[in-house]
């Protein structure tokens, strides 16, 4: 996530070395497709204007998943129209569709009010720091030594979301964390 670093697709050997442990490789292989589908569903909710933005967050976004993760986290910004008399069932319908997925044995978890430093995912699966921080009011209350735990991965510029992109992205997020 270092801005000065060459993107993965431009590194000298043309291919990012896999730095994942065997358990991580198996885990990411298992959850990549359901994550890609979740991102596609969230894009649909953004197009319907139910949400204004969405990010992947939590341990995946930090490149630090555990061998037995309980969930994969996403956070959304609700549309202003939701606060002006909209039927709450629209939000619950979205939540049910997103959190109802458990195809891979790992739950998808959805929360509201994005907060953290924003990292843009690229079409190549790299992660680029933007310098942007969302939810500054919330972030101000978090101790400085814990602020790096709050990472928001933004997929808005990625044209094609698929399992292979998710795998490359996690490998890159982990690589940047270890640097």
N, C-alpha and C. Protein backbone atom coordinates (compact mmCIF):
# COMPACT_ATOMS: atom_id res chain seq x y z
N UNK A 1 0.82 -1.18 0.00
CA UNK A 1 0.00 0.00 0.00
C UNK A 1 0.87 1.25 0.00
N UNK A 2 2.10 1.08 -0.29
CA UNK A 2 3.03 2.18 -0.37
C UNK A 2 2.91 2.84 -1.73
N UNK A 3 2.71 4.15 -1.77
CA UNK A 3 2.51 4.85 -3.03
C UNK A 3 3.73 4.82 -3.92
N UNK A 4 4.94 4.81 -3.35
CA UNK A 4 6.15 4.83 -4.17
C UNK A 4 6.45 3.48 -4.79
N UNK A 5 5.87 2.45 -4.29
CA UNK A 5 6.13 1.09 -4.75
C UNK A 5 5.51 0.86 -6.13
N UNK A 6 6.23 0.14 -6.98
CA UNK A 6 5.67 -0.23 -8.27
C UNK A 6 4.45 -1.10 -8.07
N UNK A 7 3.39 -0.90 -8.89
CA UNK A 7 2.26 -1.82 -8.81
C UNK A 7 2.72 -3.24 -9.13
N UNK A 8 2.01 -4.21 -8.61
CA UNK A 8 2.40 -5.62 -8.77
C UNK A 8 2.57 -6.01 -10.23
N UNK A 9 1.71 -5.47 -11.10
CA UNK A 9 1.77 -5.87 -12.50
C UNK A 9 2.99 -5.31 -13.22
N UNK A 10 3.74 -4.39 -12.60
CA UNK A 10 4.91 -3.81 -13.23
C UNK A 10 6.21 -4.27 -12.60
N UNK A 11 6.15 -5.18 -11.65
CA UNK A 11 7.37 -5.63 -11.00
C UNK A 11 8.22 -6.42 -11.98
N UNK A 12 9.50 -6.48 -11.71
CA UNK A 12 10.48 -7.00 -12.66
C UNK A 12 10.13 -8.37 -13.23
N UNK A 13 9.63 -9.27 -12.46
CA UNK A 13 9.34 -10.60 -12.98
C UNK A 13 7.94 -10.68 -13.56
N UNK A 14 7.18 -9.59 -13.50
CA UNK A 14 5.87 -9.56 -14.10
C UNK A 14 4.79 -10.28 -13.30
N UNK A 15 5.17 -10.97 -12.26
CA UNK A 15 4.20 -11.70 -11.46
C UNK A 15 4.54 -11.52 -9.98
N UNK A 16 3.53 -11.23 -9.20
CA UNK A 16 3.73 -11.04 -7.76
C UNK A 16 4.06 -12.38 -7.11
N UNK A 17 5.15 -12.45 -6.36
CA UNK A 17 5.44 -13.72 -5.68
C UNK A 17 4.37 -14.01 -4.64
N UNK A 18 4.00 -15.26 -4.53
CA UNK A 18 2.99 -15.65 -3.56
C UNK A 18 3.67 -15.79 -2.20
N UNK A 19 3.23 -14.96 -1.25
CA UNK A 19 3.83 -14.99 0.09
C UNK A 19 2.88 -15.59 1.12
N UNK A 20 1.84 -16.27 0.63
CA UNK A 20 0.84 -16.80 1.53
C UNK A 20 1.26 -18.15 2.10
N UNK A 21 0.86 -18.37 3.34
CA UNK A 21 1.04 -19.68 3.97
C UNK A 21 0.06 -20.65 3.31
N UNK A 22 0.29 -21.93 3.47
CA UNK A 22 -0.58 -22.94 2.85
C UNK A 22 -2.04 -22.78 3.29
N UNK A 23 -2.27 -22.54 4.59
CA UNK A 23 -3.64 -22.39 5.07
C UNK A 23 -4.30 -21.15 4.48
N UNK A 24 -3.50 -20.08 4.27
CA UNK A 24 -4.06 -18.87 3.67
C UNK A 24 -4.45 -19.11 2.22
N UNK A 25 -3.60 -19.82 1.50
CA UNK A 25 -3.89 -20.13 0.11
C UNK A 25 -5.21 -20.89 0.00
N UNK A 26 -5.39 -21.90 0.86
CA UNK A 26 -6.63 -22.69 0.85
C UNK A 26 -7.82 -21.83 1.23
N UNK A 27 -7.67 -21.00 2.26
CA UNK A 27 -8.75 -20.14 2.71
C UNK A 27 -9.16 -19.15 1.63
N UNK A 28 -8.20 -18.45 1.06
CA UNK A 28 -8.49 -17.45 0.03
C UNK A 28 -9.11 -18.12 -1.19
N UNK A 29 -8.62 -19.29 -1.53
CA UNK A 29 -9.20 -20.05 -2.65
C UNK A 29 -10.69 -20.32 -2.39
N UNK A 30 -11.02 -20.65 -1.15
CA UNK A 30 -12.39 -20.99 -0.77
C UNK A 30 -13.31 -19.78 -0.71
N UNK A 31 -12.80 -18.63 -0.27
CA UNK A 31 -13.69 -17.47 -0.05
C UNK A 31 -13.66 -16.44 -1.17
N UNK A 32 -12.74 -16.56 -2.12
CA UNK A 32 -12.59 -15.53 -3.16
C UNK A 32 -13.85 -15.35 -4.00
N UNK A 33 -14.46 -16.43 -4.44
CA UNK A 33 -15.66 -16.32 -5.28
C UNK A 33 -16.84 -15.71 -4.52
N UNK A 34 -17.16 -16.17 -3.29
CA UNK A 34 -18.24 -15.52 -2.54
C UNK A 34 -17.97 -14.03 -2.26
N UNK A 35 -16.71 -13.67 -2.04
CA UNK A 35 -16.39 -12.25 -1.84
C UNK A 35 -16.66 -11.48 -3.13
N UNK A 36 -16.24 -12.01 -4.27
CA UNK A 36 -16.47 -11.34 -5.55
C UNK A 36 -17.97 -11.16 -5.79
N UNK A 37 -18.77 -12.18 -5.48
CA UNK A 37 -20.22 -12.07 -5.64
C UNK A 37 -20.82 -11.02 -4.71
N UNK A 38 -20.31 -10.95 -3.49
CA UNK A 38 -20.78 -9.94 -2.54
C UNK A 38 -20.50 -8.53 -3.06
N UNK A 39 -19.31 -8.33 -3.61
CA UNK A 39 -18.96 -7.02 -4.16
C UNK A 39 -19.88 -6.68 -5.33
N UNK A 40 -20.18 -7.65 -6.17
CA UNK A 40 -21.11 -7.42 -7.28
C UNK A 40 -22.49 -7.05 -6.76
N UNK A 41 -22.96 -7.72 -5.71
CA UNK A 41 -24.26 -7.38 -5.11
C UNK A 41 -24.25 -5.97 -4.53
N UNK A 42 -23.17 -5.61 -3.85
CA UNK A 42 -23.08 -4.26 -3.28
C UNK A 42 -23.05 -3.20 -4.38
N UNK A 43 -22.42 -3.50 -5.50
CA UNK A 43 -22.46 -2.58 -6.63
C UNK A 43 -23.90 -2.36 -7.11
N UNK A 44 -24.69 -3.42 -7.12
CA UNK A 44 -26.10 -3.30 -7.53
C UNK A 44 -26.86 -2.40 -6.55
N UNK A 45 -26.63 -2.58 -5.25
CA UNK A 45 -27.30 -1.73 -4.27
C UNK A 45 -26.85 -0.27 -4.42
N UNK A 46 -25.61 -0.05 -4.81
CA UNK A 46 -25.16 1.33 -5.07
C UNK A 46 -25.86 1.89 -6.29
N UNK A 47 -26.02 1.09 -7.33
CA UNK A 47 -26.72 1.54 -8.54
C UNK A 47 -28.19 1.86 -8.24
N UNK A 48 -28.78 1.12 -7.31
CA UNK A 48 -30.18 1.35 -6.91
C UNK A 48 -30.30 2.52 -5.93
N UNK A 49 -29.15 3.06 -5.53
CA UNK A 49 -29.07 4.18 -4.60
C UNK A 49 -29.52 3.83 -3.18
N UNK A 50 -29.43 2.55 -2.83
CA UNK A 50 -29.66 2.14 -1.45
C UNK A 50 -28.46 2.55 -0.61
N UNK A 51 -27.27 2.44 -1.20
CA UNK A 51 -26.04 2.85 -0.54
C UNK A 51 -25.28 3.82 -1.44
N UNK A 52 -24.43 4.63 -0.83
CA UNK A 52 -23.62 5.58 -1.61
C UNK A 52 -22.22 5.05 -1.86
N UNK A 53 -21.76 4.18 -0.98
CA UNK A 53 -20.41 3.63 -1.10
C UNK A 53 -20.33 2.34 -0.31
N UNK A 54 -19.29 1.56 -0.61
CA UNK A 54 -19.04 0.35 0.19
C UNK A 54 -17.55 0.06 0.16
N UNK A 55 -17.10 -0.60 1.19
CA UNK A 55 -15.69 -0.96 1.33
C UNK A 55 -15.58 -2.33 1.98
N UNK A 56 -14.51 -3.04 1.64
CA UNK A 56 -14.15 -4.22 2.40
C UNK A 56 -13.28 -3.70 3.55
N UNK A 57 -13.43 -4.27 4.71
CA UNK A 57 -12.67 -3.83 5.87
C UNK A 57 -12.29 -5.06 6.70
N UNK A 58 -11.79 -4.85 7.88
CA UNK A 58 -11.47 -5.98 8.76
C UNK A 58 -10.17 -6.68 8.41
N UNK A 59 -10.07 -7.92 8.82
CA UNK A 59 -8.81 -8.66 8.70
C UNK A 59 -8.39 -8.88 7.25
N UNK A 60 -9.34 -9.08 6.33
CA UNK A 60 -8.97 -9.23 4.92
C UNK A 60 -8.32 -7.95 4.42
N UNK A 61 -8.92 -6.81 4.71
CA UNK A 61 -8.40 -5.52 4.25
C UNK A 61 -7.01 -5.23 4.82
N UNK A 62 -6.72 -5.77 5.99
CA UNK A 62 -5.40 -5.59 6.59
C UNK A 62 -4.40 -6.63 6.10
N UNK A 63 -4.87 -7.61 5.31
CA UNK A 63 -3.97 -8.68 4.85
C UNK A 63 -3.53 -9.56 5.99
N UNK A 64 -4.45 -9.80 6.93
CA UNK A 64 -4.08 -10.52 8.15
C UNK A 64 -5.23 -11.40 8.64
N UNK A 65 -5.67 -12.32 7.80
CA UNK A 65 -6.75 -13.21 8.20
C UNK A 65 -6.23 -14.31 9.11
N UNK A 66 -7.09 -14.82 9.96
CA UNK A 66 -6.71 -15.92 10.84
C UNK A 66 -7.03 -17.24 10.14
N UNK A 67 -6.44 -18.34 10.60
CA UNK A 67 -6.73 -19.64 9.98
C UNK A 67 -8.21 -20.04 10.06
N UNK A 68 -8.92 -19.52 11.04
CA UNK A 68 -10.35 -19.83 11.17
C UNK A 68 -11.14 -18.53 11.33
N UNK A 69 -11.26 -17.75 10.25
CA UNK A 69 -11.97 -16.48 10.36
C UNK A 69 -13.46 -16.69 10.60
N UNK A 70 -14.04 -15.81 11.39
CA UNK A 70 -15.48 -15.93 11.63
C UNK A 70 -16.28 -15.21 10.56
N UNK A 71 -15.65 -14.19 9.93
CA UNK A 71 -16.38 -13.45 8.91
C UNK A 71 -15.45 -12.66 8.00
N UNK A 72 -16.04 -12.14 6.94
CA UNK A 72 -15.39 -11.17 6.06
C UNK A 72 -16.24 -9.92 6.17
N UNK A 73 -15.60 -8.80 6.47
CA UNK A 73 -16.32 -7.57 6.79
C UNK A 73 -16.43 -6.61 5.62
N UNK A 74 -17.63 -6.03 5.49
CA UNK A 74 -17.88 -4.94 4.56
C UNK A 74 -18.58 -3.84 5.34
N UNK A 75 -18.37 -2.61 4.92
CA UNK A 75 -19.05 -1.47 5.53
C UNK A 75 -19.64 -0.63 4.40
N UNK A 76 -20.84 -0.11 4.63
CA UNK A 76 -21.52 0.69 3.60
C UNK A 76 -21.90 2.05 4.15
N UNK A 77 -22.03 2.99 3.23
CA UNK A 77 -22.60 4.29 3.55
C UNK A 77 -24.02 4.31 3.03
N UNK A 78 -24.99 4.50 3.90
CA UNK A 78 -26.39 4.50 3.48
C UNK A 78 -26.72 5.80 2.74
N UNK A 79 -27.57 5.68 1.76
CA UNK A 79 -28.01 6.83 0.99
C UNK A 79 -28.80 7.80 1.88
N UNK A 80 -28.67 9.09 1.64
CA UNK A 80 -29.40 10.10 2.42
C UNK A 80 -30.90 9.87 2.32
N UNK A 81 -31.36 9.34 1.19
CA UNK A 81 -32.80 9.12 1.03
C UNK A 81 -33.31 8.09 2.03
N UNK A 82 -32.42 7.25 2.54
CA UNK A 82 -32.84 6.26 3.53
C UNK A 82 -33.21 6.92 4.85
N UNK A 83 -32.68 8.10 5.06
CA UNK A 83 -32.97 8.80 6.31
C UNK A 83 -34.21 9.67 6.20
N UNK A 84 -34.79 9.76 5.01
CA UNK A 84 -35.95 10.63 4.79
C UNK A 84 -37.21 9.82 4.50
N UNK A 85 -37.59 8.97 5.42
CA UNK A 85 -38.86 8.28 5.30
C UNK A 85 -38.86 7.01 4.47
N UNK A 86 -37.72 6.49 4.14
CA UNK A 86 -37.68 5.26 3.39
C UNK A 86 -38.11 4.09 4.27
N UNK A 87 -38.68 3.12 3.65
CA UNK A 87 -39.09 1.91 4.35
C UNK A 87 -37.85 1.18 4.87
N UNK A 88 -37.74 0.95 6.18
CA UNK A 88 -36.56 0.27 6.73
C UNK A 88 -36.36 -1.13 6.17
N UNK A 89 -37.40 -1.71 5.58
CA UNK A 89 -37.25 -3.05 5.02
C UNK A 89 -36.27 -3.06 3.84
N UNK A 90 -36.05 -1.90 3.21
CA UNK A 90 -35.08 -1.84 2.12
C UNK A 90 -33.67 -2.12 2.64
N UNK A 91 -33.34 -1.55 3.79
CA UNK A 91 -32.03 -1.80 4.40
C UNK A 91 -31.96 -3.24 4.89
N UNK A 92 -33.01 -3.72 5.52
CA UNK A 92 -33.02 -5.10 6.00
C UNK A 92 -32.95 -6.09 4.85
N UNK A 93 -33.59 -5.75 3.71
CA UNK A 93 -33.50 -6.62 2.54
C UNK A 93 -32.08 -6.72 2.01
N UNK A 94 -31.39 -5.58 2.00
CA UNK A 94 -30.00 -5.56 1.58
C UNK A 94 -29.15 -6.38 2.56
N UNK A 95 -29.34 -6.11 3.83
CA UNK A 95 -28.58 -6.83 4.85
C UNK A 95 -28.81 -8.34 4.76
N UNK A 96 -30.06 -8.74 4.58
CA UNK A 96 -30.39 -10.16 4.45
C UNK A 96 -29.71 -10.79 3.25
N UNK A 97 -29.72 -10.08 2.12
CA UNK A 97 -29.10 -10.64 0.91
C UNK A 97 -27.59 -10.78 1.09
N UNK A 98 -26.95 -9.77 1.68
CA UNK A 98 -25.50 -9.79 1.85
C UNK A 98 -25.09 -10.76 2.96
N UNK A 99 -25.69 -10.65 4.11
CA UNK A 99 -25.28 -11.49 5.24
C UNK A 99 -25.83 -12.91 5.15
N UNK A 100 -26.79 -13.13 4.26
CA UNK A 100 -27.35 -14.47 4.09
C UNK A 100 -26.40 -15.41 3.37
N UNK A 101 -25.32 -14.88 2.84
CA UNK A 101 -24.36 -15.71 2.13
C UNK A 101 -23.46 -16.43 3.13
N UNK A 102 -23.30 -17.70 2.92
CA UNK A 102 -22.37 -18.46 3.74
C UNK A 102 -21.94 -19.68 2.93
N UNK A 103 -21.71 -19.43 1.64
CA UNK A 103 -21.37 -20.49 0.70
C UNK A 103 -20.03 -21.15 1.01
N UNK A 104 -19.17 -20.46 1.72
CA UNK A 104 -17.80 -20.93 1.89
C UNK A 104 -17.47 -21.26 3.35
N UNK A 105 -18.48 -21.25 4.22
CA UNK A 105 -18.22 -21.52 5.63
C UNK A 105 -17.72 -20.32 6.40
N UNK A 106 -17.64 -19.16 5.74
CA UNK A 106 -17.24 -17.92 6.41
C UNK A 106 -18.35 -16.90 6.14
N UNK A 107 -18.88 -16.34 7.21
CA UNK A 107 -20.00 -15.41 7.13
C UNK A 107 -19.56 -14.07 6.53
N UNK A 108 -20.45 -13.45 5.78
CA UNK A 108 -20.23 -12.07 5.32
C UNK A 108 -20.92 -11.17 6.35
N UNK A 109 -20.19 -10.18 6.86
CA UNK A 109 -20.73 -9.28 7.88
C UNK A 109 -20.81 -7.87 7.29
N UNK A 110 -21.93 -7.20 7.52
CA UNK A 110 -22.16 -5.86 6.99
C UNK A 110 -22.35 -4.89 8.14
N UNK A 111 -21.66 -3.75 8.08
CA UNK A 111 -21.86 -2.69 9.06
C UNK A 111 -22.01 -1.36 8.33
N UNK A 112 -22.27 -0.31 9.10
CA UNK A 112 -22.55 1.01 8.54
C UNK A 112 -21.54 2.01 9.07
N UNK A 113 -21.49 3.16 8.47
CA UNK A 113 -20.56 4.26 8.83
C UNK A 113 -19.11 3.90 8.56
N UNK A 114 -18.69 3.99 7.30
CA UNK A 114 -17.29 3.71 6.96
C UNK A 114 -16.34 4.62 7.73
N UNK A 115 -15.27 4.02 8.27
CA UNK A 115 -14.24 4.80 8.95
C UNK A 115 -12.91 4.08 8.82
N UNK A 116 -11.89 4.84 8.44
CA UNK A 116 -10.55 4.29 8.28
C UNK A 116 -9.85 4.92 7.10
N UNK A 117 -8.60 4.47 6.88
CA UNK A 117 -7.86 4.98 5.73
C UNK A 117 -8.29 4.22 4.48
N UNK A 118 -8.48 4.95 3.38
CA UNK A 118 -8.98 4.36 2.15
C UNK A 118 -7.83 3.90 1.27
N UNK A 119 -7.96 2.66 0.80
CA UNK A 119 -7.02 2.05 -0.12
C UNK A 119 -7.81 1.65 -1.36
N UNK A 120 -7.34 2.06 -2.53
CA UNK A 120 -8.04 1.72 -3.78
C UNK A 120 -7.52 0.40 -4.34
N UNK A 121 -8.43 -0.51 -4.63
CA UNK A 121 -8.08 -1.73 -5.35
C UNK A 121 -7.97 -1.37 -6.83
N UNK A 122 -7.01 -1.98 -7.52
CA UNK A 122 -6.84 -1.73 -8.95
C UNK A 122 -7.29 -2.95 -9.74
N UNK A 123 -7.39 -2.78 -11.05
CA UNK A 123 -7.77 -3.88 -11.93
C UNK A 123 -6.77 -5.03 -11.88
N UNK A 124 -5.54 -4.75 -11.47
CA UNK A 124 -4.50 -5.77 -11.39
C UNK A 124 -4.48 -6.48 -10.03
N UNK A 125 -5.28 -5.99 -9.09
CA UNK A 125 -5.30 -6.60 -7.77
C UNK A 125 -4.33 -5.95 -6.80
N UNK A 126 -3.80 -4.80 -7.17
CA UNK A 126 -2.91 -4.08 -6.26
C UNK A 126 -3.77 -3.22 -5.32
N UNK A 127 -3.15 -2.68 -4.29
CA UNK A 127 -3.82 -1.81 -3.33
C UNK A 127 -3.00 -0.54 -3.22
N UNK A 128 -3.62 0.60 -3.51
CA UNK A 128 -2.92 1.87 -3.55
C UNK A 128 -3.51 2.81 -2.50
N UNK A 129 -2.65 3.30 -1.61
CA UNK A 129 -3.11 4.25 -0.59
C UNK A 129 -3.55 5.54 -1.27
N UNK A 130 -4.67 6.09 -0.80
CA UNK A 130 -5.19 7.32 -1.38
C UNK A 130 -4.88 8.55 -0.53
N UNK A 131 -4.56 8.35 0.73
CA UNK A 131 -4.38 9.47 1.64
C UNK A 131 -5.70 9.94 2.24
N UNK A 132 -6.81 9.41 1.74
CA UNK A 132 -8.13 9.78 2.24
C UNK A 132 -8.45 9.00 3.51
N UNK A 133 -9.12 9.67 4.44
CA UNK A 133 -9.60 9.03 5.66
C UNK A 133 -11.09 9.29 5.74
N UNK A 134 -11.87 8.24 5.87
CA UNK A 134 -13.32 8.36 6.02
C UNK A 134 -13.67 8.28 7.50
N UNK A 135 -14.76 8.94 7.87
CA UNK A 135 -15.25 8.87 9.25
C UNK A 135 -14.29 9.51 10.23
N UNK A 136 -13.87 10.72 9.92
CA UNK A 136 -12.86 11.38 10.76
C UNK A 136 -13.31 11.54 12.21
N UNK A 137 -14.61 11.74 12.42
CA UNK A 137 -15.13 11.87 13.80
C UNK A 137 -14.90 10.58 14.58
N UNK A 138 -15.18 9.46 13.96
CA UNK A 138 -14.97 8.16 14.61
C UNK A 138 -13.49 7.89 14.79
N UNK A 139 -12.70 8.17 13.75
CA UNK A 139 -11.26 7.92 13.81
C UNK A 139 -10.58 8.76 14.89
N UNK A 140 -11.10 9.95 15.15
CA UNK A 140 -10.51 10.81 16.18
C UNK A 140 -10.61 10.18 17.57
N UNK A 141 -11.60 9.32 17.76
CA UNK A 141 -11.80 8.68 19.06
C UNK A 141 -10.97 7.40 19.22
N UNK A 142 -10.32 6.96 18.16
CA UNK A 142 -9.54 5.72 18.20
C UNK A 142 -8.10 6.05 18.59
N UNK A 143 -7.51 5.32 19.52
CA UNK A 143 -6.11 5.59 19.91
C UNK A 143 -5.18 5.49 18.69
N UNK A 144 -4.19 6.36 18.64
CA UNK A 144 -3.27 6.42 17.49
C UNK A 144 -2.65 5.07 17.16
N UNK A 145 -2.28 4.31 18.19
CA UNK A 145 -1.61 3.03 17.94
C UNK A 145 -2.54 1.98 17.31
N UNK A 146 -3.84 2.24 17.27
CA UNK A 146 -4.79 1.30 16.67
C UNK A 146 -5.34 1.77 15.33
N UNK A 147 -5.03 2.98 14.92
CA UNK A 147 -5.62 3.54 13.69
C UNK A 147 -5.25 2.76 12.43
N UNK A 148 -4.08 2.14 12.40
CA UNK A 148 -3.68 1.37 11.22
C UNK A 148 -4.54 0.12 11.02
N UNK A 149 -5.29 -0.27 12.04
CA UNK A 149 -6.18 -1.43 11.92
C UNK A 149 -7.43 -1.11 11.11
N UNK A 150 -7.69 0.15 10.86
CA UNK A 150 -8.91 0.57 10.18
C UNK A 150 -8.59 0.90 8.73
N UNK A 151 -8.75 -0.11 7.88
CA UNK A 151 -8.46 0.00 6.46
C UNK A 151 -9.75 -0.25 5.70
N UNK A 152 -10.01 0.59 4.69
CA UNK A 152 -11.18 0.45 3.84
C UNK A 152 -10.70 0.21 2.42
N UNK A 153 -11.02 -0.93 1.85
CA UNK A 153 -10.63 -1.22 0.46
C UNK A 153 -11.78 -0.83 -0.45
N UNK A 154 -11.50 0.11 -1.34
CA UNK A 154 -12.47 0.68 -2.26
C UNK A 154 -12.34 -0.01 -3.62
N UNK A 155 -13.43 -0.58 -4.11
CA UNK A 155 -13.44 -1.29 -5.39
C UNK A 155 -14.08 -0.47 -6.50
N UNK A 156 -14.35 0.82 -6.26
CA UNK A 156 -15.14 1.60 -7.22
C UNK A 156 -14.47 1.76 -8.59
N UNK A 157 -13.15 1.70 -8.67
CA UNK A 157 -12.48 1.86 -9.96
C UNK A 157 -12.18 0.53 -10.65
N UNK A 158 -12.48 -0.58 -10.01
CA UNK A 158 -12.17 -1.89 -10.60
C UNK A 158 -13.28 -2.27 -11.58
N UNK A 159 -12.86 -2.55 -12.80
CA UNK A 159 -13.85 -2.86 -13.84
C UNK A 159 -14.43 -4.26 -13.71
N UNK A 160 -13.59 -5.25 -13.45
CA UNK A 160 -14.05 -6.64 -13.39
C UNK A 160 -13.66 -7.25 -12.05
N UNK A 161 -14.66 -7.62 -11.28
CA UNK A 161 -14.43 -8.27 -9.99
C UNK A 161 -14.61 -9.77 -10.17
N UNK A 162 -13.57 -10.53 -9.88
CA UNK A 162 -13.69 -11.98 -9.93
C UNK A 162 -12.78 -12.58 -8.87
N UNK A 163 -12.84 -13.90 -8.75
CA UNK A 163 -12.08 -14.59 -7.70
C UNK A 163 -10.58 -14.37 -7.85
N UNK A 164 -10.08 -14.36 -9.07
CA UNK A 164 -8.64 -14.17 -9.27
C UNK A 164 -8.17 -12.80 -8.78
N UNK A 165 -8.97 -11.77 -9.02
CA UNK A 165 -8.63 -10.44 -8.52
C UNK A 165 -8.59 -10.44 -7.00
N UNK A 166 -9.56 -11.08 -6.36
CA UNK A 166 -9.63 -11.14 -4.89
C UNK A 166 -8.39 -11.83 -4.34
N UNK A 167 -7.95 -12.91 -4.97
CA UNK A 167 -6.75 -13.63 -4.52
C UNK A 167 -5.50 -12.75 -4.64
N UNK A 168 -5.34 -12.08 -5.78
CA UNK A 168 -4.17 -11.20 -5.97
C UNK A 168 -4.21 -10.05 -4.97
N UNK A 169 -5.39 -9.50 -4.75
CA UNK A 169 -5.53 -8.38 -3.82
C UNK A 169 -5.11 -8.79 -2.41
N UNK A 170 -5.58 -9.93 -1.92
CA UNK A 170 -5.19 -10.35 -0.58
C UNK A 170 -3.68 -10.55 -0.49
N UNK A 171 -3.09 -11.17 -1.49
CA UNK A 171 -1.64 -11.37 -1.50
C UNK A 171 -0.93 -10.03 -1.41
N UNK A 172 -1.41 -9.04 -2.15
CA UNK A 172 -0.81 -7.70 -2.11
C UNK A 172 -1.01 -7.02 -0.76
N UNK A 173 -2.22 -7.13 -0.21
CA UNK A 173 -2.47 -6.51 1.09
C UNK A 173 -1.56 -7.12 2.15
N UNK A 174 -1.37 -8.42 2.11
CA UNK A 174 -0.48 -9.07 3.07
C UNK A 174 0.96 -8.61 2.84
N UNK A 175 1.38 -8.57 1.60
CA UNK A 175 2.75 -8.16 1.29
C UNK A 175 3.04 -6.76 1.81
N UNK A 176 2.09 -5.84 1.59
CA UNK A 176 2.28 -4.47 2.07
C UNK A 176 2.30 -4.41 3.60
N UNK A 177 1.50 -5.25 4.25
CA UNK A 177 1.49 -5.28 5.71
C UNK A 177 2.83 -5.74 6.26
N UNK A 178 3.46 -6.66 5.58
CA UNK A 178 4.73 -7.23 6.06
C UNK A 178 5.94 -6.33 5.77
N UNK A 179 5.76 -5.34 4.91
CA UNK A 179 6.90 -4.46 4.56
C UNK A 179 7.28 -3.55 5.69
